[in-house]
Each structure stands twice: as structure tokens, then as C-alpha cells.
Amino acid sequence: MGDHPPQGTGAVPGDAMSLTAAERLIVQLLILSDATPFDGADIATILAGVATALADVAEGKERRWKETYIYETEYEQIASAAEESVTPPTGISPVFPAGATLRRAILVAALKANNNTAALHKIGVTLQYQIAGGGWNDLIDLTAAPTLMLPEVEGTGDAITIVEDMTGLFTSGQLVEVQFLVDSSNAAAVNYSTTFVLSLEFDLV
């Protein structure tokens, strides 16, 4: 027995024993997920590939950019049984970062209604947008069925939040305006408040 040298006491370049704890964990995870063909592969080569992949992921994250624009909250009382516009907030003109491509533009629009009188209200809602003063267009029309319901109790309220994609509707520097149209079944007064948030996501070259 004394003629046999001790086993597993040394490490050679590329052997698992020469790896750090973090490197060993990476290799173990790759083996478990069967993510790498290990037959005849050198561990150092495998780790180099992992490092390259991680660098690519990090670089991809760095190439993504987000901007958020918050419109001023508006308040208005409307007493009408016809379709009326709630005063739109001041528009914004988002400027894209140099060399960036707009990947996605999402508008989050919130409308809150409070009954100013003891009257029943069934309210249809339309969300509109206007680009560079070119005229209002429907982003979504929800007037087919009442969206907001106010019972015959003064001070009662209801609200709706809409999330809509605006990608491709405007370019860098253009004025982007948004508004709600409301169509009540009752001419009694309703107090409205609006909030809009425009979120832009870019890919940087």
C-alpha cells in the first residue's frame, strides 16, 4: 500500500481542483442543466465561454434605456348628458437619446369620477391622443358600455385605469397630448380628475 502515491492531493491547470468556489459552482450548474458539451472540453475554455456570455448579457442591459414622463393632474367639473372632453393636461415633447431607437411607448391613463349630486350616472369613456397638433384620435373607445357607474348618492366615486401602447405613433421631439372624453347618461354635475404617465423604452446603438 505504501508504494502507491496519495490520490487527489494535487491539481493541474484546467482541473476542477484549481477552480475557485464560484467557478466550481458555475461548472456544476452547467452540468446539471446540460448546457455545455463537456466531453473532452477544457474547464478553462468552458469558463471563458461563460464569462463571454455574461459579458454579453451585461452589455445588453447597458444598451436598454427608459424614460418616464408624468403629465400634470387635471381636475374639472362637468354637468352634461353629452360627450365632453375633460381638460387635457399640457402636452410633453419627449426627445429620444442620441443614437437610440424607440422600442416601446406605453401610456398609463387614470380617470376618477366623483358624484357632485345625488343622481345616477352611467359614464362611457374614450381615451384620445394628439401628435404635434394634428388632430385628436381615439386610442381606445369604451363607450359601447358604461365604464364608470355612480349611484344616486352624493360623493360616491368610481375610477378606471387604462394601459395602451403608443409605439410608432410619434417621433423624437413631437408634442404628445392626451385626454379623456366622458359621456354621461345624466346632466347632473360630476367631478373628474385625470392622471397620465408616458413610459418610453429605448435600445441604444
C-alpha atoms as a PDB file:
ATOM      1  CA  MET A   1       0.000   0.000   0.000  1.00  0.00           C
ATOM      2  CA  GLY A   2       2.892   2.308   0.721  1.00  0.00           C
ATOM      3  CA  ASP A   3       4.016   2.017  -2.888  1.00  0.00           C
ATOM      4  CA  HIS A   4       1.006   3.926  -4.192  1.00  0.00           C
ATOM      5  CA  PRO A   5       1.136   7.747  -4.259  1.00  0.00           C
ATOM      6  CA  PRO A   6      -1.695   9.650  -2.498  1.00  0.00           C
ATOM      7  CA  GLN A   7      -4.679  10.208  -4.736  1.00  0.00           C
ATOM      8  CA  GLY A   8      -6.467  13.544  -5.356  1.00  0.00           C
ATOM      9  CA  THR A   9      -3.933  15.662  -3.491  1.00  0.00           C
ATOM     10  CA  GLY A  10      -2.722  17.781  -6.402  1.00  0.00           C
ATOM     11  CA  ALA A  11      -4.213  19.982  -9.103  1.00  0.00           C
ATOM     12  CA  VAL A  12      -3.198  20.609 -12.649  1.00  0.00           C
ATOM     13  CA  PRO A  13      -4.182  23.533 -14.907  1.00  0.00           C
ATOM     14  CA  GLY A  14      -7.734  23.077 -16.132  1.00  0.00           C
ATOM     15  CA  ASP A  15      -8.593  20.623 -13.353  1.00  0.00           C
ATOM     16  CA  ALA A  16     -11.649  21.270 -11.158  1.00  0.00           C
ATOM     17  CA  MET A  17      -9.393  21.383  -8.077  1.00  0.00           C
ATOM     18  CA  SER A  18      -7.761  24.564  -9.400  1.00  0.00           C
ATOM     19  CA  LEU A  19     -11.069  26.457  -9.584  1.00  0.00           C
ATOM     20  CA  THR A  20     -12.438  28.932  -7.133  1.00  0.00           C
ATOM     21  CA  ALA A  21     -15.635  28.084  -5.272  1.00  0.00           C
ATOM     22  CA  ALA A  22     -17.638  30.375  -7.576  1.00  0.00           C
ATOM     23  CA  GLU A  23     -16.134  28.786 -10.701  1.00  0.00           C
ATOM     24  CA  ARG A  24     -16.891  25.285  -9.428  1.00  0.00           C
ATOM     25  CA  LEU A  25     -20.486  26.315  -8.791  1.00  0.00           C
ATOM     26  CA  ILE A  26     -20.822  27.618 -12.363  1.00  0.00           C
ATOM     27  CA  VAL A  27     -19.477  24.359 -13.802  1.00  0.00           C
ATOM     28  CA  GLN A  28     -21.771  22.295 -11.567  1.00  0.00           C
ATOM     29  CA  LEU A  29     -24.797  24.305 -12.661  1.00  0.00           C
ATOM     30  CA  LEU A  30     -23.851  23.889 -16.312  1.00  0.00           C
ATOM     31  CA  ILE A  31     -23.518  20.145 -15.854  1.00  0.00           C
ATOM     32  CA  LEU A  32     -26.859  19.872 -14.075  1.00  0.00           C
ATOM     33  CA  SER A  33     -28.623  21.880 -16.780  1.00  0.00           C
ATOM     34  CA  ASP A  34     -26.796  20.006 -19.526  1.00  0.00           C
ATOM     35  CA  ALA A  35     -25.998  23.419 -21.009  1.00  0.00           C
ATOM     36  CA  THR A  36     -22.488  22.598 -22.236  1.00  0.00           C
ATOM     37  CA  PRO A  37     -20.976  19.606 -24.099  1.00  0.00           C
ATOM     38  CA  PHE A  38     -18.275  18.578 -21.622  1.00  0.00           C
ATOM     39  CA  ASP A  39     -16.850  15.603 -23.471  1.00  0.00           C
ATOM     40  CA  GLY A  40     -13.199  16.438 -23.956  1.00  0.00           C
ATOM     41  CA  ALA A  41     -13.750  20.106 -23.105  1.00  0.00           C
ATOM     42  CA  ASP A  42     -11.173  22.001 -21.089  1.00  0.00           C
ATOM     43  CA  ILE A  43     -12.670  23.631 -17.987  1.00  0.00           C
ATOM     44  CA  ALA A  44     -10.767  26.861 -18.599  1.00  0.00           C
ATOM     45  CA  THR A  45     -12.294  27.056 -22.083  1.00  0.00           C
ATOM     46  CA  ILE A  46     -15.743  26.456 -20.660  1.00  0.00           C
ATOM     47  CA  LEU A  47     -15.304  29.210 -18.076  1.00  0.00           C
ATOM     48  CA  ALA A  48     -14.071  31.590 -20.752  1.00  0.00           C
ATOM     49  CA  GLY A  49     -17.259  30.921 -22.681  1.00  0.00           C
ATOM     50  CA  VAL A  50     -19.368  31.549 -19.590  1.00  0.00           C
ATOM     51  CA  ALA A  51     -17.555  34.845 -18.963  1.00  0.00           C
ATOM     52  CA  THR A  52     -18.208  35.925 -22.556  1.00  0.00           C
ATOM     53  CA  ALA A  53     -21.892  35.071 -22.268  1.00  0.00           C
ATOM     54  CA  LEU A  54     -22.226  37.004 -19.005  1.00  0.00           C
ATOM     55  CA  ALA A  55     -20.465  39.999 -20.569  1.00  0.00           C
ATOM     56  CA  ASP A  56     -22.897  39.903 -23.486  1.00  0.00           C
ATOM     57  CA  VAL A  57     -25.839  39.905 -21.072  1.00  0.00           C
ATOM     58  CA  ALA A  58     -24.390  42.860 -19.147  1.00  0.00           C
ATOM     59  CA  GLU A  59     -23.764  44.752 -22.367  1.00  0.00           C
ATOM     60  CA  GLY A  60     -27.327  44.102 -23.467  1.00  0.00           C
ATOM     61  CA  LYS A  61     -28.644  45.585 -20.225  1.00  0.00           C
ATOM     62  CA  GLU A  62     -26.493  48.668 -20.678  1.00  0.00           C
ATOM     63  CA  ARG A  63     -27.982  49.186 -24.138  1.00  0.00           C
ATOM     64  CA  ARG A  64     -31.522  49.475 -22.770  1.00  0.00           C
ATOM     65  CA  TRP A  65     -32.749  52.887 -21.566  1.00  0.00           C
ATOM     66  CA  LYS A  66     -36.038  54.031 -20.048  1.00  0.00           C
ATOM     67  CA  GLU A  67     -37.627  57.457 -19.682  1.00  0.00           C
ATOM     68  CA  THR A  68     -40.837  58.294 -17.816  1.00  0.00           C
ATOM     69  CA  TYR A  69     -42.921  61.427 -18.363  1.00  0.00           C
ATOM     70  CA  ILE A  70     -45.686  62.416 -15.938  1.00  0.00           C
ATOM     71  CA  TYR A  71     -48.397  64.787 -17.110  1.00  0.00           C
ATOM     72  CA  GLU A  72     -49.930  67.312 -14.734  1.00  0.00           C
ATOM     73  CA  THR A  73     -53.046  66.092 -12.937  1.00  0.00           C
ATOM     74  CA  GLU A  74     -56.166  67.905 -14.092  1.00  0.00           C
ATOM     75  CA  TYR A  75     -59.459  68.476 -12.254  1.00  0.00           C
ATOM     76  CA  GLU A  76     -62.742  69.538 -13.836  1.00  0.00           C
ATOM     77  CA  GLN A  77     -66.454  69.521 -13.049  1.00  0.00           C
ATOM     78  CA  ILE A  78     -68.734  68.612 -15.959  1.00  0.00           C
ATOM     79  CA  ALA A  79     -72.532  68.864 -15.965  1.00  0.00           C
ATOM     80  CA  SER A  80     -73.712  67.442 -19.278  1.00  0.00           C
ATOM     81  CA  ALA A  81     -75.502  64.463 -20.750  1.00  0.00           C
ATOM     82  CA  ALA A  82     -73.484  64.784 -23.962  1.00  0.00           C
ATOM     83  CA  GLU A  83     -69.943  63.635 -24.711  1.00  0.00           C
ATOM     84  CA  GLU A  84     -67.479  66.154 -23.315  1.00  0.00           C
ATOM     85  CA  SER A  85     -63.686  66.334 -23.042  1.00  0.00           C
ATOM     86  CA  VAL A  86     -62.034  66.548 -19.643  1.00  0.00           C
ATOM     87  CA  THR A  87     -59.474  69.367 -19.832  1.00  0.00           C
ATOM     88  CA  PRO A  88     -56.282  67.790 -21.215  1.00  0.00           C
ATOM     89  CA  PRO A  89     -53.000  68.405 -19.417  1.00  0.00           C
ATOM     90  CA  THR A  90     -50.152  70.290 -21.049  1.00  0.00           C
ATOM     91  CA  GLY A  91     -48.549  68.056 -23.661  1.00  0.00           C
ATOM     92  CA  ILE A  92     -44.992  66.766 -23.480  1.00  0.00           C
ATOM     93  CA  SER A  93     -42.329  66.547 -26.209  1.00  0.00           C
ATOM     94  CA  PRO A  94     -40.061  63.578 -25.418  1.00  0.00           C
ATOM     95  CA  VAL A  95     -36.605  63.773 -27.003  1.00  0.00           C
ATOM     96  CA  PHE A  96     -35.025  60.395 -27.707  1.00  0.00           C
ATOM     97  CA  PRO A  97     -31.389  59.818 -26.582  1.00  0.00           C
ATOM     98  CA  ALA A  98     -28.792  60.228 -29.336  1.00  0.00           C
ATOM     99  CA  GLY A  99     -28.449  57.044 -31.378  1.00  0.00           C
ATOM    100  CA  ALA A 100     -31.443  55.395 -29.682  1.00  0.00           C
ATOM    101  CA  THR A 101     -34.315  53.512 -31.242  1.00  0.00           C
ATOM    102  CA  LEU A 102     -37.691  53.644 -29.522  1.00  0.00           C
ATOM    103  CA  ARG A 103     -38.512  50.075 -28.532  1.00  0.00           C
ATOM    104  CA  ARG A 104     -41.810  50.656 -26.773  1.00  0.00           C
ATOM    105  CA  ALA A 105     -44.051  53.535 -25.665  1.00  0.00           C
ATOM    106  CA  ILE A 106     -46.704  52.786 -23.053  1.00  0.00           C
ATOM    107  CA  LEU A 107     -49.336  55.235 -21.810  1.00  0.00           C
ATOM    108  CA  VAL A 108     -50.931  54.696 -18.401  1.00  0.00           C
ATOM    109  CA  ALA A 109     -54.081  56.796 -18.126  1.00  0.00           C
ATOM    110  CA  ALA A 110     -56.247  57.092 -14.998  1.00  0.00           C
ATOM    111  CA  LEU A 111     -59.668  58.748 -14.739  1.00  0.00           C
ATOM    112  CA  LYS A 112     -61.535  59.254 -11.475  1.00  0.00           C
ATOM    113  CA  ALA A 113     -65.151  60.430 -11.207  1.00  0.00           C
ATOM    114  CA  ASN A 114     -66.961  61.651  -8.107  1.00  0.00           C
ATOM    115  CA  ASN A 115     -70.690  62.353  -7.937  1.00  0.00           C
ATOM    116  CA  ASN A 116     -71.386  66.002  -7.122  1.00  0.00           C
ATOM    117  CA  THR A 117     -75.122  65.389  -6.718  1.00  0.00           C
ATOM    118  CA  ALA A 118     -77.457  62.596  -5.678  1.00  0.00           C
ATOM    119  CA  ALA A 119     -78.012  61.466  -9.276  1.00  0.00           C
ATOM    120  CA  LEU A 120     -77.386  58.207 -11.129  1.00  0.00           C
ATOM    121  CA  HIS A 121     -74.589  58.368 -13.710  1.00  0.00           C
ATOM    122  CA  LYS A 122     -73.602  55.790 -16.318  1.00  0.00           C
ATOM    123  CA  ILE A 123     -70.465  57.128 -17.988  1.00  0.00           C
ATOM    124  CA  GLY A 124     -68.807  55.998 -21.202  1.00  0.00           C
ATOM    125  CA  VAL A 125     -65.116  56.766 -21.638  1.00  0.00           C
ATOM    126  CA  THR A 126     -62.830  57.363 -24.628  1.00  0.00           C
ATOM    127  CA  LEU A 127     -59.057  57.864 -24.404  1.00  0.00           C
ATOM    128  CA  GLN A 128     -57.606  60.112 -27.127  1.00  0.00           C
ATOM    129  CA  TYR A 129     -54.202  61.347 -28.277  1.00  0.00           C
ATOM    130  CA  GLN A 130     -52.941  64.170 -30.477  1.00  0.00           C
ATOM    131  CA  ILE A 131     -49.479  64.373 -32.072  1.00  0.00           C
ATOM    132  CA  ALA A 132     -47.923  67.735 -32.994  1.00  0.00           C
ATOM    133  CA  GLY A 133     -51.344  69.403 -33.019  1.00  0.00           C
ATOM    134  CA  GLY A 134     -52.505  67.223 -35.905  1.00  0.00           C
ATOM    135  CA  GLY A 135     -55.959  66.452 -34.523  1.00  0.00           C
ATOM    136  CA  TRP A 136     -57.374  64.150 -31.867  1.00  0.00           C
ATOM    137  CA  ASN A 137     -57.591  60.404 -32.484  1.00  0.00           C
ATOM    138  CA  ASP A 138     -59.099  57.598 -30.410  1.00  0.00           C
ATOM    139  CA  LEU A 139     -56.548  55.417 -28.660  1.00  0.00           C
ATOM    140  CA  ILE A 140     -59.373  53.309 -27.204  1.00  0.00           C
ATOM    141  CA  ASP A 141     -63.148  53.813 -27.268  1.00  0.00           C
ATOM    142  CA  LEU A 142     -65.073  52.316 -24.330  1.00  0.00           C
ATOM    143  CA  THR A 143     -68.428  54.000 -24.942  1.00  0.00           C
ATOM    144  CA  ALA A 144     -70.206  50.839 -26.141  1.00  0.00           C
ATOM    145  CA  ALA A 145     -70.971  50.057 -22.494  1.00  0.00           C
ATOM    146  CA  PRO A 146     -70.827  52.378 -19.461  1.00  0.00           C
ATOM    147  CA  THR A 147     -67.330  52.254 -17.994  1.00  0.00           C
ATOM    148  CA  LEU A 148     -67.996  54.238 -14.813  1.00  0.00           C
ATOM    149  CA  MET A 149     -71.064  53.906 -12.591  1.00  0.00           C
ATOM    150  CA  LEU A 150     -72.072  56.466  -9.948  1.00  0.00           C
ATOM    151  CA  PRO A 151     -75.092  55.633  -7.749  1.00  0.00           C
ATOM    152  CA  GLU A 152     -77.637  58.227  -6.613  1.00  0.00           C
ATOM    153  CA  VAL A 153     -75.507  59.252  -3.641  1.00  0.00           C
ATOM    154  CA  GLU A 154     -73.585  62.481  -3.475  1.00  0.00           C
ATOM    155  CA  GLY A 155     -69.825  61.991  -3.108  1.00  0.00           C
ATOM    156  CA  THR A 156     -69.703  58.443  -4.433  1.00  0.00           C
ATOM    157  CA  GLY A 157     -66.915  57.671  -6.858  1.00  0.00           C
ATOM    158  CA  ASP A 158     -65.586  55.302  -9.492  1.00  0.00           C
ATOM    159  CA  ALA A 159     -62.322  55.099 -11.430  1.00  0.00           C
ATOM    160  CA  ILE A 160     -60.650  53.407 -14.381  1.00  0.00           C
ATOM    161  CA  THR A 161     -57.004  52.884 -15.350  1.00  0.00           C
ATOM    162  CA  ILE A 162     -56.099  52.152 -18.967  1.00  0.00           C
ATOM    163  CA  VAL A 163     -52.733  50.896 -20.250  1.00  0.00           C
ATOM    164  CA  GLU A 164     -52.236  51.402 -24.007  1.00  0.00           C
ATOM    165  CA  ASP A 165     -49.332  51.009 -26.434  1.00  0.00           C
ATOM    166  CA  MET A 166     -48.336  54.184 -28.327  1.00  0.00           C
ATOM    167  CA  THR A 167     -45.257  52.768 -30.063  1.00  0.00           C
ATOM    168  CA  GLY A 168     -44.910  54.142 -33.587  1.00  0.00           C
ATOM    169  CA  LEU A 169     -47.383  56.992 -33.093  1.00  0.00           C
ATOM    170  CA  PHE A 170     -44.769  59.744 -32.618  1.00  0.00           C
ATOM    171  CA  THR A 171     -41.093  60.538 -33.154  1.00  0.00           C
ATOM    172  CA  SER A 172     -38.448  62.384 -31.159  1.00  0.00           C
ATOM    173  CA  GLY A 173     -39.364  65.971 -30.238  1.00  0.00           C
ATOM    174  CA  GLN A 174     -43.032  65.764 -31.275  1.00  0.00           C
ATOM    175  CA  LEU A 175     -45.683  67.162 -28.940  1.00  0.00           C
ATOM    176  CA  VAL A 176     -47.736  64.320 -27.435  1.00  0.00           C
ATOM    177  CA  GLU A 177     -51.121  65.311 -25.973  1.00  0.00           C
ATOM    178  CA  VAL A 178     -53.681  63.035 -24.317  1.00  0.00           C
ATOM    179  CA  GLN A 179     -57.197  63.439 -22.984  1.00  0.00           C
ATOM    180  CA  PHE A 180     -60.350  61.640 -21.843  1.00  0.00           C
ATOM    181  CA  LEU A 181     -63.819  62.073 -23.315  1.00  0.00           C
ATOM    182  CA  VAL A 182     -66.736  61.307 -20.967  1.00  0.00           C
ATOM    183  CA  ASP A 183     -70.329  60.640 -21.969  1.00  0.00           C
ATOM    184  CA  SER A 184     -72.737  60.623 -19.035  1.00  0.00           C
ATOM    185  CA  SER A 185     -76.336  59.449 -19.004  1.00  0.00           C
ATOM    186  CA  ASN A 186     -77.224  62.337 -16.670  1.00  0.00           C
ATOM    187  CA  ALA A 187     -76.718  66.103 -16.924  1.00  0.00           C
ATOM    188  CA  ALA A 188     -76.045  66.454 -13.191  1.00  0.00           C
ATOM    189  CA  ALA A 189     -72.538  67.525 -12.169  1.00  0.00           C
ATOM    190  CA  VAL A 190     -69.617  65.112 -11.865  1.00  0.00           C
ATOM    191  CA  ASN A 191     -66.114  65.976 -10.647  1.00  0.00           C
ATOM    192  CA  TYR A 192     -63.351  64.404 -12.753  1.00  0.00           C
ATOM    193  CA  SER A 193     -59.591  64.077 -12.246  1.00  0.00           C
ATOM    194  CA  THR A 194     -57.088  62.710 -14.760  1.00  0.00           C
ATOM    195  CA  THR A 195     -53.548  61.389 -14.480  1.00  0.00           C
ATOM    196  CA  PHE A 196     -51.317  60.301 -17.387  1.00  0.00           C
ATOM    197  CA  VAL A 197     -47.867  58.689 -17.400  1.00  0.00           C
ATOM    198  CA  LEU A 198     -45.927  58.002 -20.614  1.00  0.00           C
ATOM    199  CA  SER A 199     -43.149  55.397 -20.308  1.00  0.00           C
ATOM    200  CA  LEU A 200     -40.581  55.051 -23.114  1.00  0.00           C
ATOM    201  CA  GLU A 201     -38.064  52.222 -23.551  1.00  0.00           C
ATOM    202  CA  PHE A 202     -35.139  52.557 -25.942  1.00  0.00           C
ATOM    203  CA  ASP A 203     -32.458  50.384 -27.491  1.00  0.00           C
ATOM    204  CA  LEU A 204     -29.134  52.222 -27.632  1.00  0.00           C
ATOM    205  CA  VAL A 205     -26.747  51.627 -30.531  1.00  0.00           C
END
